[in-house]
Structures are given as structure tokens and as C-alpha cells.
């Protein structure tokens, strides 16, 4: 498993380096040494902790849906003209941007600071990894 340095692990979880160190001290995470002798944590263990720590607000919609990617967040930006609107949500550490008709944005009652849910149903999701880079 990949080893992830304390500072990088902290960025992934949105906590301080000290929090990661406390978690290694109390056994929440296991401390290891990376190839350069610095304190690191196991990537799989960090991923499992990240999943267990993910706490977004409950999706209040009472609608059944085949889409599994639902991001509840706060509306942080709205740019609207007569035809189209760009709506930005902050969903935990993630910024989600949607383009829709201005009519739809008005009908949804979206305003800065309101709660909304981004629903993503995509047939194409691209995942990148620096480990997969071949350097051609």
C-alpha cells in the first residue's frame, strides 16, 4: 500500500497535521516511515478513515433516483443571464458547478446560502493517477 505523508494526509481529510499526529498517537491511524524516513500513514487505512469521517448533510429530497452520486451543499455562487445560469455549490471540500437554464434556477428558488443537492449521473468519469503515468 502507498504511504502518505502526514501533511498530505491532513490535506486529504481537511484537518491539521497535528490532528493526523494525534490520530497516530491514539491508534486511529498507524504511523509508518516512508522511503525518506518521514512519518507517513498507510493509504488504504487513510481511505477507510476518510470514508468513515465523511459527514455531509442528509439529502432531504424524498425522490427515488437511479443516480448514486448526490452531493448536498450550500449555494456559493450564481451567475445568471436571460437564458442560462451557472450555479456553484460547496459540498464539503468539493466545489460542484452546474449549468442550467435561468428558468430552472428561478423555479428551484436558488439563492446564495441556500441548501441544494447536486445529482450526478455520468456515463463517463475520468480518474487520473500519477502512478499510471508512463512518461511517453
C-alpha atoms as a PDB file:
ATOM      1  CA  UNK A   1       0.000   0.000   0.000  1.00  0.00           C
ATOM      2  CA  UNK A   2       1.181   3.527  -0.681  1.00  0.00           C
ATOM      3  CA  UNK A   3       2.447   5.546   2.243  1.00  0.00           C
ATOM      4  CA  UNK A   4       1.124   9.104   2.512  1.00  0.00           C
ATOM      5  CA  UNK A   5       2.966  11.797   4.464  1.00  0.00           C
ATOM      6  CA  UNK A   6       1.268  13.456   7.413  1.00  0.00           C
ATOM      7  CA  UNK A   7       0.866  16.851   5.714  1.00  0.00           C
ATOM      8  CA  UNK A   8      -0.646  15.294   2.580  1.00  0.00           C
ATOM      9  CA  UNK A   9      -2.969  13.081   4.656  1.00  0.00           C
ATOM     10  CA  UNK A  10      -4.134  16.180   6.537  1.00  0.00           C
ATOM     11  CA  UNK A  11      -4.984  17.941   3.273  1.00  0.00           C
ATOM     12  CA  UNK A  12      -6.999  14.940   2.037  1.00  0.00           C
ATOM     13  CA  UNK A  13      -9.103  14.873   5.210  1.00  0.00           C
ATOM     14  CA  UNK A  14      -9.338  18.649   5.693  1.00  0.00           C
ATOM     15  CA  UNK A  15      -7.692  18.554   9.116  1.00  0.00           C
ATOM     16  CA  UNK A  16      -4.428  19.838  10.564  1.00  0.00           C
ATOM     17  CA  UNK A  17      -1.118  17.972  10.600  1.00  0.00           C
ATOM     18  CA  UNK A  18      -1.448  17.882  14.403  1.00  0.00           C
ATOM     19  CA  UNK A  19      -4.767  16.045  14.104  1.00  0.00           C
ATOM     20  CA  UNK A  20      -3.131  13.346  11.967  1.00  0.00           C
ATOM     21  CA  UNK A  21      -0.309  13.077  14.527  1.00  0.00           C
ATOM     22  CA  UNK A  22      -2.857  12.774  17.377  1.00  0.00           C
ATOM     23  CA  UNK A  23      -4.627  10.038  15.431  1.00  0.00           C
ATOM     24  CA  UNK A  24      -1.353   8.141  15.024  1.00  0.00           C
ATOM     25  CA  UNK A  25      -0.617   8.619  18.752  1.00  0.00           C
ATOM     26  CA  UNK A  26      -4.038   7.317  19.847  1.00  0.00           C
ATOM     27  CA  UNK A  27      -4.143   4.428  17.329  1.00  0.00           C
ATOM     28  CA  UNK A  28      -6.791   5.803  14.967  1.00  0.00           C
ATOM     29  CA  UNK A  29      -4.114   5.641  12.246  1.00  0.00           C
ATOM     30  CA  UNK A  30      -0.915   3.612  12.216  1.00  0.00           C
ATOM     31  CA  UNK A  31       2.319   5.567  11.852  1.00  0.00           C
ATOM     32  CA  UNK A  32       4.882   4.269   9.357  1.00  0.00           C
ATOM     33  CA  UNK A  33       8.086   5.639   7.858  1.00  0.00           C
ATOM     34  CA  UNK A  34       8.164   6.452   4.160  1.00  0.00           C
ATOM     35  CA  UNK A  35      11.168   5.847   1.904  1.00  0.00           C
ATOM     36  CA  UNK A  36      12.837   9.048   3.126  1.00  0.00           C
ATOM     37  CA  UNK A  37      12.290   8.252   6.810  1.00  0.00           C
ATOM     38  CA  UNK A  38       9.428  10.701   7.366  1.00  0.00           C
ATOM     39  CA  UNK A  39       6.272   9.781   9.276  1.00  0.00           C
ATOM     40  CA  UNK A  40       3.540   8.563   6.960  1.00  0.00           C
ATOM     41  CA  UNK A  41       0.270   6.650   7.097  1.00  0.00           C
ATOM     42  CA  UNK A  42      -0.987   3.755   5.013  1.00  0.00           C
ATOM     43  CA  UNK A  43      -3.048   4.886   2.021  1.00  0.00           C
ATOM     44  CA  UNK A  44      -5.732   2.194   2.458  1.00  0.00           C
ATOM     45  CA  UNK A  45      -6.112   2.943   6.164  1.00  0.00           C
ATOM     46  CA  UNK A  46      -6.420   6.661   5.358  1.00  0.00           C
ATOM     47  CA  UNK A  47      -9.041   5.949   2.658  1.00  0.00           C
ATOM     48  CA  UNK A  48     -11.100   3.880   5.114  1.00  0.00           C
ATOM     49  CA  UNK A  49     -10.904   6.631   7.741  1.00  0.00           C
ATOM     50  CA  UNK A  50     -11.820   9.223   5.123  1.00  0.00           C
ATOM     51  CA  UNK A  51     -14.943   7.282   4.167  1.00  0.00           C
ATOM     52  CA  UNK A  52     -15.988   6.804   7.802  1.00  0.00           C
ATOM     53  CA  UNK A  53     -15.415  10.518   8.557  1.00  0.00           C
ATOM     54  CA  UNK A  54     -17.410  11.815   5.558  1.00  0.00           C
ATOM     55  CA  UNK A  55     -20.343  13.655   7.069  1.00  0.00           C
ATOM     56  CA  UNK A  56     -22.410  15.624   4.596  1.00  0.00           C
ATOM     57  CA  UNK A  57     -25.927  16.746   5.490  1.00  0.00           C
ATOM     58  CA  UNK A  58     -28.678  14.260   4.716  1.00  0.00           C
ATOM     59  CA  UNK A  59     -30.293  14.632   1.329  1.00  0.00           C
ATOM     60  CA  UNK A  60     -33.759  15.926   2.178  1.00  0.00           C
ATOM     61  CA  UNK A  61     -35.280  15.121  -1.199  1.00  0.00           C
ATOM     62  CA  UNK A  62     -37.931  12.451  -0.967  1.00  0.00           C
ATOM     63  CA  UNK A  63     -37.437  11.369  -4.552  1.00  0.00           C
ATOM     64  CA  UNK A  64     -36.298   7.944  -5.692  1.00  0.00           C
ATOM     65  CA  UNK A  65     -33.470   8.121  -8.206  1.00  0.00           C
ATOM     66  CA  UNK A  66     -31.115   5.844 -10.089  1.00  0.00           C
ATOM     67  CA  UNK A  67     -28.306   8.385  -9.637  1.00  0.00           C
ATOM     68  CA  UNK A  68     -25.957   7.364  -6.830  1.00  0.00           C
ATOM     69  CA  UNK A  69     -23.765  10.457  -6.807  1.00  0.00           C
ATOM     70  CA  UNK A  70     -25.630  13.010  -4.684  1.00  0.00           C
ATOM     71  CA  UNK A  71     -23.799  15.966  -3.176  1.00  0.00           C
ATOM     72  CA  UNK A  72     -25.647  18.095  -0.626  1.00  0.00           C
ATOM     73  CA  UNK A  73     -24.166  21.548  -0.174  1.00  0.00           C
ATOM     74  CA  UNK A  74     -24.564  25.290   0.041  1.00  0.00           C
ATOM     75  CA  UNK A  75     -25.099  27.548  -2.954  1.00  0.00           C
ATOM     76  CA  UNK A  76     -21.979  29.734  -3.079  1.00  0.00           C
ATOM     77  CA  UNK A  77     -22.325  31.353  -6.486  1.00  0.00           C
ATOM     78  CA  UNK A  78     -24.964  32.141  -9.092  1.00  0.00           C
ATOM     79  CA  UNK A  79     -24.201  33.794 -12.427  1.00  0.00           C
ATOM     80  CA  UNK A  80     -27.346  34.284 -14.465  1.00  0.00           C
ATOM     81  CA  UNK A  81     -28.295  35.956 -17.731  1.00  0.00           C
ATOM     82  CA  UNK A  82     -31.593  35.862 -19.575  1.00  0.00           C
ATOM     83  CA  UNK A  83     -31.110  32.297 -20.833  1.00  0.00           C
ATOM     84  CA  UNK A  84     -28.524  30.386 -18.764  1.00  0.00           C
ATOM     85  CA  UNK A  85     -27.376  30.175 -15.147  1.00  0.00           C
ATOM     86  CA  UNK A  86     -24.154  28.864 -13.635  1.00  0.00           C
ATOM     87  CA  UNK A  87     -24.728  27.627 -10.086  1.00  0.00           C
ATOM     88  CA  UNK A  88     -21.883  26.724  -7.727  1.00  0.00           C
ATOM     89  CA  UNK A  89     -22.297  24.503  -4.667  1.00  0.00           C
ATOM     90  CA  UNK A  90     -19.776  23.861  -1.925  1.00  0.00           C
ATOM     91  CA  UNK A  91     -20.338  20.246  -0.894  1.00  0.00           C
ATOM     92  CA  UNK A  92     -17.929  19.563   1.943  1.00  0.00           C
ATOM     93  CA  UNK A  93     -14.474  20.125   0.475  1.00  0.00           C
ATOM     94  CA  UNK A  94     -15.765  19.881  -3.094  1.00  0.00           C
ATOM     95  CA  UNK A  95     -16.950  22.613  -5.445  1.00  0.00           C
ATOM     96  CA  UNK A  96     -19.658  21.432  -7.828  1.00  0.00           C
ATOM     97  CA  UNK A  97     -20.700  23.642 -10.755  1.00  0.00           C
ATOM     98  CA  UNK A  98     -23.875  23.195 -12.802  1.00  0.00           C
ATOM     99  CA  UNK A  99     -25.082  24.934 -15.944  1.00  0.00           C
ATOM    100  CA  UNK A 100     -28.858  25.154 -16.306  1.00  0.00           C
ATOM    101  CA  UNK A 101     -31.481  27.393 -17.769  1.00  0.00           C
ATOM    102  CA  UNK A 102     -32.178  30.610 -15.878  1.00  0.00           C
ATOM    103  CA  UNK A 103     -35.798  29.487 -15.746  1.00  0.00           C
ATOM    104  CA  UNK A 104     -34.807  26.293 -13.900  1.00  0.00           C
ATOM    105  CA  UNK A 105     -32.629  28.214 -11.430  1.00  0.00           C
ATOM    106  CA  UNK A 106     -35.511  30.583 -10.658  1.00  0.00           C
ATOM    107  CA  UNK A 107     -38.019  27.706 -10.310  1.00  0.00           C
ATOM    108  CA  UNK A 108     -35.678  25.964  -7.854  1.00  0.00           C
ATOM    109  CA  UNK A 109     -35.589  29.110  -5.737  1.00  0.00           C
ATOM    110  CA  UNK A 110     -31.809  29.041  -5.604  1.00  0.00           C
ATOM    111  CA  UNK A 111     -30.118  31.867  -3.751  1.00  0.00           C
ATOM    112  CA  UNK A 112     -26.723  32.355  -2.151  1.00  0.00           C
ATOM    113  CA  UNK A 113     -26.526  30.398   1.092  1.00  0.00           C
ATOM    114  CA  UNK A 114     -29.445  28.086   0.319  1.00  0.00           C
ATOM    115  CA  UNK A 115     -29.095  24.317   0.574  1.00  0.00           C
ATOM    116  CA  UNK A 116     -29.242  22.299  -2.639  1.00  0.00           C
ATOM    117  CA  UNK A 117     -28.297  18.853  -3.901  1.00  0.00           C
ATOM    118  CA  UNK A 118     -26.173  18.190  -6.978  1.00  0.00           C
ATOM    119  CA  UNK A 119     -27.172  14.908  -8.611  1.00  0.00           C
ATOM    120  CA  UNK A 120     -24.610  13.434 -10.994  1.00  0.00           C
ATOM    121  CA  UNK A 121     -25.388  10.611 -13.385  1.00  0.00           C
ATOM    122  CA  UNK A 122     -22.432  10.265 -15.709  1.00  0.00           C
ATOM    123  CA  UNK A 123     -21.559   7.594 -18.214  1.00  0.00           C
ATOM    124  CA  UNK A 124     -18.004   8.915 -18.353  1.00  0.00           C
ATOM    125  CA  UNK A 125     -15.953   9.539 -15.220  1.00  0.00           C
ATOM    126  CA  UNK A 126     -12.238  10.034 -15.760  1.00  0.00           C
ATOM    127  CA  UNK A 127      -9.875   9.028 -12.956  1.00  0.00           C
ATOM    128  CA  UNK A 128      -6.243  10.099 -13.085  1.00  0.00           C
ATOM    129  CA  UNK A 129      -3.326   8.707 -11.117  1.00  0.00           C
ATOM    130  CA  UNK A 130       0.286   9.886 -11.060  1.00  0.00           C
ATOM    131  CA  UNK A 131       1.335   6.239 -10.609  1.00  0.00           C
ATOM    132  CA  UNK A 132      -0.160   5.377 -14.003  1.00  0.00           C
ATOM    133  CA  UNK A 133       1.869   7.998 -15.889  1.00  0.00           C
ATOM    134  CA  UNK A 134       4.098   6.305 -18.453  1.00  0.00           C
ATOM    135  CA  UNK A 135       6.149   9.339 -19.436  1.00  0.00           C
ATOM    136  CA  UNK A 136       5.827   8.845 -23.198  1.00  0.00           C
END
